[in-house]
Amino acid sequence: MESNKNNNPAQAEKQPIMAAVVNWFYSKGLYEFFCKTTAKLFSIVFAILNAIADPFSVSGKQASGLVSCLWIVNHYKRKLEGISSISSSVHDNCKCAAWRKVKDCICQLCYAFNQQAYQTGLKEHNIINGLILRNVLLPVKAFKALTIVFPYLRIESFGDVANVIQARNYIRIIKAFPRKRCAIWSKNLEIWKQAIDAEGKPDNTTFVFSSPYLNKQVSRTILERYSFIDHIFTVYTKKYAKEHNIVINCGGRKCLECIRKKINCYFRNDTLYINELEK
């Protein structure tokens, strides 16, 4: 259940700071300066506020101000054509950094890490998304102001959740758009378990567990603890897939082609394993 009550006077006094800072930079056309010069300060201020109360909620104009800074990607071409997405950055995500150090982990081949390294605008937008979503638990009604063009919404196409607050905010975004078909991609199951225990899993949502390892299928016994998983996504090399007769049912086409048949990640169906060839 959401709560906008604030019983901490110090917290109440400091909550408007973030919306005021962000809105000022945007209103003055200083977004680039904000991203490159002030991101660390922004993170530090959030850390101070979290020390006062973790998590904390904002309401009214403060919540609206923060939501107005979130960046939605409405994809008009390539694989995600016809799908909207909201993401954070892998570059400031401690969970992603840890996965990249694991031997044989698919994260060592992370396309998002390389893409954001040269598309700095994309990285900056996603860093701002992460700073807001990981630190402030926002009310569902505030997220209704987001511009989601397409009927399908992907949660995380360039990163992953870093904490429970971020996961809970994603669930609240989904709740704000009950007529959208939404799909969540993540490797961080324990974070999502805590978030879903707190918020529930909306009916318009599927959860895709992104298998951490190349050429290694995750056992379905994982569903015993994480029953909210609808699909398990695994990447294989061409050689391994051929030698082990792996059925490749994803890749080489646009997601919309499967969506129209209701056989893919955005719908709950009998297909547990979704397999793609390494790109």
Protein backbone atom coordinates (compact mmCIF):
# COMPACT_ATOMS: atom_id res chain seq x y z
CA MET A 1 0.00 0.00 0.00
CA GLU A 2 1.28 3.45 -0.87
CA SER A 3 1.77 6.04 1.84
CA ASN A 4 2.47 9.72 1.37
CA LYS A 5 2.58 10.45 5.08
CA ASN A 6 5.73 12.03 6.36
CA ASN A 7 6.34 11.78 10.08
CA ASN A 8 9.95 12.98 9.97
CA PRO A 9 10.20 16.82 10.03
CA ALA A 10 13.83 16.79 8.83
CA GLN A 11 12.89 14.52 5.96
CA ALA A 12 9.89 16.69 5.06
CA GLU A 13 12.11 19.77 4.92
CA LYS A 14 14.66 18.14 2.59
CA GLN A 15 12.38 16.23 0.22
CA PRO A 16 11.67 19.17 -2.16
CA ILE A 17 15.42 19.62 -2.77
CA MET A 18 15.75 17.01 -5.51
CA ALA A 19 12.78 18.16 -7.59
CA ALA A 20 13.92 21.77 -7.28
CA VAL A 21 17.50 20.96 -8.33
CA VAL A 22 16.49 18.85 -11.31
CA ASN A 23 13.76 21.22 -12.50
CA TRP A 24 16.07 24.23 -12.26
CA PHE A 25 18.73 22.61 -14.46
CA TYR A 26 16.16 21.56 -17.03
CA SER A 27 14.41 24.94 -17.07
CA LYS A 28 17.72 26.72 -17.67
CA GLY A 29 18.68 24.41 -20.52
CA LEU A 30 21.68 23.17 -18.57
CA TYR A 31 20.99 19.46 -18.91
CA GLU A 32 24.39 18.60 -20.39
CA PHE A 33 26.14 20.53 -17.63
CA PHE A 34 23.94 18.80 -15.07
CA CYS A 35 24.81 15.34 -16.40
CA LYS A 36 28.54 15.88 -16.65
CA THR A 37 29.19 18.09 -13.65
CA THR A 38 26.46 17.48 -11.12
CA ALA A 39 25.65 13.76 -11.31
CA LYS A 40 27.99 12.89 -8.43
CA LEU A 41 26.57 15.70 -6.28
CA PHE A 42 23.07 14.50 -7.14
CA SER A 43 23.99 11.01 -5.95
CA ILE A 44 25.55 12.36 -2.76
CA VAL A 45 22.43 14.36 -1.88
CA PHE A 46 20.31 11.26 -2.44
CA ALA A 47 22.63 9.31 -0.13
CA ILE A 48 22.13 11.93 2.59
CA LEU A 49 18.38 11.78 2.19
CA ASN A 50 18.49 7.99 2.36
CA ALA A 51 20.37 8.25 5.63
CA ILE A 52 17.41 10.22 6.98
CA ALA A 53 14.83 7.70 5.78
CA ASP A 54 15.20 4.73 3.45
CA PRO A 55 13.07 4.46 1.45
CA PHE A 56 11.20 7.75 1.49
CA SER A 57 8.24 8.93 -0.51
CA VAL A 58 7.46 12.25 -2.08
CA SER A 59 4.16 13.54 -3.28
CA GLY A 60 2.57 16.30 -5.30
CA LYS A 61 4.86 18.69 -7.16
CA GLN A 62 8.04 17.01 -5.91
CA ALA A 63 7.01 13.64 -7.31
CA SER A 64 5.89 15.22 -10.59
CA GLY A 65 9.18 17.07 -10.89
CA LEU A 66 11.21 13.89 -10.52
CA VAL A 67 9.01 11.88 -12.90
CA SER A 68 9.35 14.63 -15.53
CA CYS A 69 13.10 13.90 -15.57
CA LEU A 70 12.67 10.21 -16.35
CA TRP A 71 13.50 9.20 -19.90
CA ILE A 72 11.39 6.75 -21.88
CA VAL A 73 12.72 5.31 -25.15
CA ASN A 74 10.04 4.77 -27.77
CA HIS A 75 11.73 2.47 -30.28
CA TYR A 76 10.91 3.14 -33.93
CA LYS A 77 13.37 0.74 -35.55
CA ARG A 78 15.50 -2.38 -35.08
CA LYS A 79 14.55 -5.31 -32.88
CA LEU A 80 12.49 -3.32 -30.37
CA GLU A 81 10.52 -1.43 -33.04
CA GLY A 82 7.03 -0.67 -31.74
CA ILE A 83 8.01 -1.09 -28.09
CA SER A 84 8.66 1.49 -25.39
CA SER A 85 11.26 0.94 -22.68
CA ILE A 86 12.63 2.48 -19.52
CA SER A 87 16.12 1.65 -18.30
CA SER A 88 18.98 2.61 -16.04
CA SER A 89 22.69 2.49 -16.84
CA VAL A 90 25.04 -0.45 -16.41
CA HIS A 91 27.92 1.99 -15.89
CA ASP A 92 26.86 3.01 -12.37
CA ASN A 93 25.26 -0.29 -11.34
CA CYS A 94 27.23 -2.27 -8.74
CA LYS A 95 25.21 -5.41 -9.52
CA CYS A 96 26.14 -5.25 -13.21
CA ALA A 97 29.79 -4.62 -12.33
CA ALA A 98 29.79 -7.71 -10.11
CA TRP A 99 28.23 -9.88 -12.83
CA ARG A 100 30.84 -8.75 -15.37
CA LYS A 101 33.57 -10.18 -13.13
CA VAL A 102 32.02 -13.65 -13.00
CA LYS A 103 33.72 -16.23 -15.22
CA ASP A 104 31.69 -17.29 -18.29
CA CYS A 105 28.98 -14.76 -17.42
CA ILE A 106 27.11 -13.37 -20.43
CA CYS A 107 27.58 -9.91 -18.89
CA GLN A 108 31.17 -9.96 -20.09
CA LEU A 109 29.71 -9.56 -23.59
CA CYS A 110 27.27 -6.82 -22.54
CA TYR A 111 26.13 -4.87 -25.61
CA ALA A 112 24.58 -2.15 -23.43
CA PHE A 113 27.89 -1.46 -21.68
CA ASN A 114 29.65 -0.94 -25.01
CA GLN A 115 26.76 0.98 -26.56
CA GLN A 116 26.50 3.42 -23.69
CA ALA A 117 30.27 3.92 -23.73
CA TYR A 118 30.05 5.73 -27.08
CA GLN A 119 26.44 6.95 -26.96
CA THR A 120 27.01 9.31 -24.06
CA GLY A 121 23.57 10.89 -24.32
CA LEU A 122 21.97 7.48 -23.79
CA LYS A 123 24.21 6.80 -20.82
CA GLU A 124 23.50 10.18 -19.23
CA HIS A 125 19.73 9.76 -19.54
CA ASN A 126 19.89 6.27 -18.05
CA ILE A 127 22.12 7.42 -15.20
CA ILE A 128 19.51 10.04 -14.27
CA ASN A 129 16.77 7.38 -14.45
CA GLY A 130 18.76 5.21 -12.06
CA LEU A 131 19.52 8.00 -9.60
CA ILE A 132 15.83 8.80 -9.29
CA LEU A 133 14.35 5.30 -9.38
CA ARG A 134 16.87 3.75 -6.98
CA ASN A 135 16.49 6.38 -4.29
CA VAL A 136 12.95 7.73 -4.20
CA LEU A 137 9.84 5.56 -3.87
CA LEU A 138 7.31 7.45 -5.99
CA PRO A 139 3.49 7.13 -5.97
CA VAL A 140 1.73 5.33 -8.82
CA LYS A 141 -0.26 8.40 -9.84
CA ALA A 142 2.91 10.41 -10.49
CA PHE A 143 4.04 7.91 -13.13
CA LYS A 144 0.88 8.45 -15.18
CA ALA A 145 2.55 11.56 -16.65
CA LEU A 146 5.13 9.43 -18.49
CA THR A 147 4.84 9.39 -22.29
CA ILE A 148 4.69 5.75 -23.32
CA VAL A 149 3.78 5.76 -27.01
CA PHE A 150 3.47 2.06 -27.79
CA PRO A 151 1.18 -0.62 -26.29
CA TYR A 152 4.19 -2.65 -25.12
CA LEU A 153 6.63 -1.62 -22.40
CA ARG A 154 9.96 -3.26 -21.63
CA ILE A 155 11.49 -2.77 -18.20
CA GLU A 156 15.27 -2.53 -18.61
CA SER A 157 16.62 -2.81 -22.13
CA PHE A 158 20.00 -1.28 -21.24
CA GLY A 159 20.66 -2.27 -17.62
CA ASP A 160 19.17 -3.96 -14.55
CA VAL A 161 17.78 -3.12 -11.15
CA ALA A 162 20.27 -2.25 -8.43
CA ASN A 163 18.01 -2.31 -5.38
CA VAL A 164 14.47 -2.99 -4.16
CA ILE A 165 13.39 0.66 -4.39
CA GLN A 166 14.09 0.67 -8.13
CA ALA A 167 12.21 -2.60 -8.65
CA ARG A 168 9.22 -1.31 -6.67
CA ASN A 169 9.18 1.87 -8.76
CA TYR A 170 9.13 -0.22 -11.94
CA ILE A 171 6.15 -2.16 -10.63
CA ARG A 172 4.41 1.13 -9.86
CA ILE A 173 5.10 2.35 -13.40
CA ILE A 174 3.44 -0.82 -14.70
CA LYS A 175 0.48 -0.25 -12.38
CA ALA A 176 0.12 3.26 -13.79
CA PHE A 177 -0.43 1.78 -17.27
CA PRO A 178 -2.70 -1.26 -16.79
CA ARG A 179 -3.61 -1.40 -20.50
CA LYS A 180 0.01 -1.82 -21.61
CA ARG A 181 1.62 -5.25 -21.98
CA CYS A 182 4.79 -5.10 -19.91
CA ALA A 183 7.81 -7.38 -19.66
CA ILE A 184 10.58 -7.25 -17.08
CA TRP A 185 14.12 -8.48 -17.84
CA SER A 186 16.49 -9.11 -14.95
CA LYS A 187 19.21 -11.30 -13.48
CA ASN A 188 18.67 -10.05 -9.94
CA LEU A 189 15.93 -12.34 -8.72
CA GLU A 190 16.23 -11.72 -4.99
CA ILE A 191 15.69 -8.00 -5.48
CA TRP A 192 12.57 -8.68 -7.51
CA LYS A 193 11.26 -11.21 -5.00
CA GLN A 194 11.34 -8.58 -2.28
CA ALA A 195 9.75 -5.98 -4.56
CA ILE A 196 6.96 -8.31 -5.70
CA ASP A 197 6.32 -9.40 -2.11
CA ALA A 198 5.80 -5.70 -1.28
CA GLU A 199 3.94 -4.52 -4.41
CA GLY A 200 2.50 -7.64 -6.02
CA LYS A 201 2.91 -8.67 -9.66
CA PRO A 202 0.51 -6.82 -12.00
CA ASP A 203 -1.64 -8.97 -14.30
CA ASN A 204 -0.35 -7.18 -17.41
CA THR A 205 3.22 -8.25 -16.70
CA THR A 206 5.56 -11.08 -17.59
CA PHE A 207 8.91 -11.65 -15.93
CA VAL A 208 11.86 -12.85 -17.99
CA PHE A 209 14.82 -14.19 -16.03
CA SER A 210 17.94 -13.43 -18.04
CA SER A 211 20.23 -16.41 -17.53
CA PRO A 212 23.67 -15.20 -16.37
CA TYR A 213 25.71 -17.81 -18.21
CA LEU A 214 26.47 -18.44 -21.86
CA ASN A 215 25.49 -21.93 -23.11
CA LYS A 216 23.99 -22.92 -19.75
CA GLN A 217 20.29 -23.56 -19.31
CA VAL A 218 18.87 -22.80 -15.87
CA SER A 219 16.89 -25.63 -14.27
CA ARG A 220 13.16 -25.15 -13.91
CA THR A 221 13.58 -25.87 -10.20
CA ILE A 222 14.38 -22.16 -9.87
CA LEU A 223 10.62 -21.62 -10.06
CA GLU A 224 10.24 -23.19 -6.62
CA ARG A 225 11.63 -20.05 -5.01
CA TYR A 226 10.92 -17.52 -7.75
CA SER A 227 7.45 -18.50 -8.92
CA PHE A 228 6.95 -15.11 -10.56
CA ILE A 229 9.26 -16.12 -13.45
CA ASP A 230 7.37 -16.62 -16.71
CA HIS A 231 10.31 -17.19 -19.09
CA ILE A 232 14.02 -17.98 -18.86
CA PHE A 233 16.16 -16.27 -21.50
CA THR A 234 19.48 -17.91 -22.45
CA VAL A 235 22.16 -17.03 -25.01
CA TYR A 236 24.05 -19.75 -26.90
CA THR A 237 26.95 -19.79 -29.32
CA LYS A 238 26.21 -21.17 -32.78
CA LYS A 239 28.59 -24.06 -32.23
CA TYR A 240 27.11 -25.12 -28.89
CA ALA A 241 23.52 -24.79 -30.12
CA LYS A 242 24.26 -26.97 -33.14
CA GLU A 243 26.12 -29.63 -31.17
CA HIS A 244 23.43 -29.87 -28.50
CA ASN A 245 20.35 -29.42 -30.70
CA ILE A 246 19.24 -26.25 -28.91
CA VAL A 247 16.03 -24.85 -30.37
CA ILE A 248 16.56 -21.15 -31.09
CA ASN A 249 13.21 -19.38 -30.75
CA CYS A 250 14.42 -15.78 -30.45
CA GLY A 251 16.63 -13.54 -32.56
CA GLY A 252 16.99 -12.50 -36.17
CA ARG A 253 13.59 -10.84 -36.15
CA LYS A 254 11.67 -8.03 -34.51
CA CYS A 255 9.92 -8.66 -31.21
CA LEU A 256 6.65 -7.46 -32.76
CA GLU A 257 6.56 -10.50 -35.04
CA CYS A 258 6.25 -12.78 -32.00
CA ILE A 259 4.06 -10.35 -30.09
CA ARG A 260 1.39 -10.50 -32.80
CA LYS A 261 1.26 -14.28 -32.33
CA LYS A 262 1.27 -13.94 -28.53
CA ILE A 263 4.09 -16.46 -28.31
CA ASN A 264 6.91 -14.37 -26.92
CA CYS A 265 8.25 -12.68 -23.79
CA TYR A 266 5.37 -10.23 -23.37
CA PHE A 267 2.74 -12.91 -22.77
CA ARG A 268 2.34 -15.72 -20.28
CA ASN A 269 2.32 -18.99 -22.18
CA ASP A 270 3.67 -22.55 -22.13
CA THR A 271 7.13 -21.53 -23.41
CA LEU A 272 9.46 -21.44 -20.42
CA TYR A 273 12.78 -21.30 -22.26
CA ILE A 274 13.56 -18.53 -24.75
CA ASN A 275 16.86 -19.13 -26.56
CA GLU A 276 18.91 -16.72 -28.66
CA LEU A 277 22.20 -17.03 -30.54
CA GLU A 278 25.15 -14.93 -29.42
CA LYS A 279 25.42 -11.72 -31.45
